[in-house]
Protein backbone atom coordinates (compact mmCIF):
# COMPACT_ATOMS: atom_id res chain seq x y z
CA GLN A 1 0.00 0.00 0.00
CA VAL A 2 1.40 3.34 -1.06
CA GLN A 3 1.52 6.08 1.54
CA VAL A 4 2.62 9.69 1.10
CA VAL A 5 2.69 11.68 4.34
CA GLU A 6 3.46 15.37 4.74
CA SER A 7 4.52 17.12 7.94
CA GLY A 8 5.97 20.40 9.11
CA GLY A 9 3.19 22.83 8.39
CA GLY A 10 2.01 25.39 10.90
CA LEU A 11 1.37 29.03 11.67
CA VAL A 12 4.22 31.46 11.12
CA GLN A 13 4.57 35.22 10.86
CA ALA A 14 5.45 36.87 7.58
CA GLY A 15 9.20 36.74 7.03
CA GLY A 16 9.53 33.49 8.93
CA SER A 17 10.54 30.03 7.81
CA LEU A 18 9.15 26.52 7.77
CA ARG A 19 10.49 23.21 6.51
CA LEU A 20 8.04 20.71 5.14
CA SER A 21 8.86 17.02 4.98
CA CYS A 22 7.29 14.22 2.99
CA THR A 23 7.90 10.57 3.67
CA THR A 24 6.75 7.71 1.51
CA SER A 25 6.27 3.98 1.82
CA GLY A 26 5.20 1.28 -0.58
CA LEU A 27 6.92 2.83 -3.58
CA THR A 28 10.44 3.09 -4.98
CA PHE A 29 11.23 6.60 -3.80
CA ASN A 30 14.63 6.89 -5.44
CA ARG A 31 13.20 6.16 -8.89
CA ARG A 32 10.46 8.76 -8.80
CA ALA A 33 10.41 12.47 -9.33
CA MET A 34 8.74 14.25 -6.41
CA GLY A 35 7.03 17.55 -5.96
CA TRP A 36 5.09 20.00 -3.83
CA PHE A 37 1.78 21.58 -4.75
CA ARG A 38 -0.34 24.00 -2.79
CA GLN A 39 -3.94 25.13 -2.80
CA ALA A 40 -5.29 28.26 -1.20
CA PRO A 41 -9.00 28.65 -0.39
CA GLY A 42 -10.93 29.50 -3.51
CA LYS A 43 -7.95 28.97 -5.78
CA GLU A 44 -6.76 26.19 -8.02
CA ARG A 45 -4.01 23.85 -6.96
CA GLU A 46 -0.62 25.03 -8.22
CA GLY A 47 2.73 23.39 -8.57
CA VAL A 48 5.23 24.99 -6.21
CA SER A 49 8.34 22.95 -6.89
CA CYS A 50 9.43 19.55 -8.10
CA ILE A 51 12.64 17.57 -8.35
CA GLY A 52 13.88 14.72 -10.48
CA ALA A 53 14.57 11.25 -9.13
CA SER A 54 18.32 11.80 -9.25
CA ASP A 55 18.16 15.36 -7.94
CA SER A 56 19.51 16.67 -11.25
CA SER A 57 16.53 18.74 -12.31
CA THR A 58 14.26 21.09 -10.45
CA TYR A 59 11.39 23.46 -11.11
CA TYR A 60 10.21 26.39 -9.01
CA ALA A 61 7.15 28.51 -9.53
CA ASP A 62 8.08 32.13 -10.13
CA SER A 63 6.28 33.13 -6.94
CA VAL A 64 8.69 31.10 -4.77
CA LYS A 65 11.99 31.37 -6.64
CA GLY A 66 14.78 32.53 -4.36
CA ARG A 67 12.74 31.78 -1.23
CA PHE A 68 11.95 28.06 -1.36
CA THR A 69 14.37 25.17 -1.80
CA ILE A 70 13.37 21.62 -2.64
CA SER A 71 15.62 18.71 -1.73
CA ARG A 72 15.44 14.99 -1.23
CA ASP A 73 17.22 12.32 0.80
CA ASN A 74 16.83 9.07 -1.08
CA ALA A 75 18.37 7.08 1.77
CA LYS A 76 15.53 8.25 4.04
CA ASN A 77 12.75 8.21 1.40
CA THR A 78 12.10 11.82 2.32
CA LEU A 79 11.38 14.98 0.37
CA TYR A 80 11.84 18.45 1.86
CA LEU A 81 10.70 21.96 1.10
CA GLN A 82 12.57 24.70 2.92
CA MET A 83 10.46 27.84 2.87
CA ASN A 84 12.07 31.13 3.84
CA SER A 85 10.84 34.72 3.78
CA LEU A 86 7.29 33.50 3.91
CA LYS A 87 4.49 35.79 2.77
CA PRO A 88 0.76 35.75 3.57
CA GLU A 89 0.11 34.68 -0.02
CA ASP A 90 2.03 31.46 0.68
CA THR A 91 -0.85 30.38 2.90
CA GLY A 92 -2.51 27.17 1.81
CA MET A 93 -2.62 23.42 2.02
CA TYR A 94 0.64 21.94 0.81
CA TYR A 95 0.57 18.55 -0.86
CA CYS A 96 3.42 16.19 -1.59
CA THR A 97 3.26 14.19 -4.78
CA ALA A 98 5.22 11.22 -6.09
CA GLY A 99 5.50 10.87 -9.83
CA PRO A 100 5.11 7.71 -11.91
CA LEU A 101 7.92 5.18 -11.99
CA TYR A 102 10.73 6.18 -14.36
CA ARG A 103 8.93 9.26 -15.70
CA THR A 104 9.87 12.74 -14.62
CA ILE A 105 7.30 15.28 -13.51
CA VAL A 106 9.72 18.19 -13.91
CA THR A 107 9.03 20.35 -16.95
CA ASP A 108 10.10 23.81 -18.02
CA THR A 109 6.69 25.22 -17.20
CA GLY A 110 5.60 23.28 -14.15
CA CYS A 111 5.19 19.92 -12.47
CA ALA A 112 3.23 17.17 -14.22
CA THR A 113 0.50 15.34 -12.32
CA THR A 114 -0.64 12.40 -14.46
CA GLY A 115 -0.35 9.13 -12.60
CA ASN A 116 0.96 10.73 -9.40
CA TYR A 117 0.44 9.60 -5.84
CA TRP A 118 -0.66 12.27 -3.36
CA GLY A 119 -0.53 12.91 0.34
CA GLN A 120 -3.31 14.36 2.48
CA GLY A 121 -1.60 17.72 2.84
CA THR A 122 -0.20 19.90 5.59
CA GLN A 123 -1.56 23.37 6.33
CA VAL A 124 0.71 26.39 6.12
CA THR A 125 -0.63 29.70 7.43
CA VAL A 126 1.40 32.89 7.21
CA SER A 127 0.12 35.82 9.23
CA SER A 128 0.83 39.42 8.27
């Protein structure tokens, strides 16, 4: 049974930092591209960042470039999202996603979603 579990969300003041983590089980983590999406109330889900299976390719949404850093530890089956200089507009539910086996989700314009596994999400709230 595949499980994708996010953690690390919370309430933080604008300008603060949070680190999200995503652990997986039941799938070959080191052979899958991984990513983070978020959804704010009343808005569509958007791809925040994603990373290739071998850590050689990454994508960041323009809104988070220079503030967020995605990384992965294949030995621990864990994906991270370090979020610095947080803004109120970063508020939302953050979802971890695992891409299909042997197919990247990293593109020049975003993170693909077809065939992905998803976690339940972790809430991030940034107060002004």
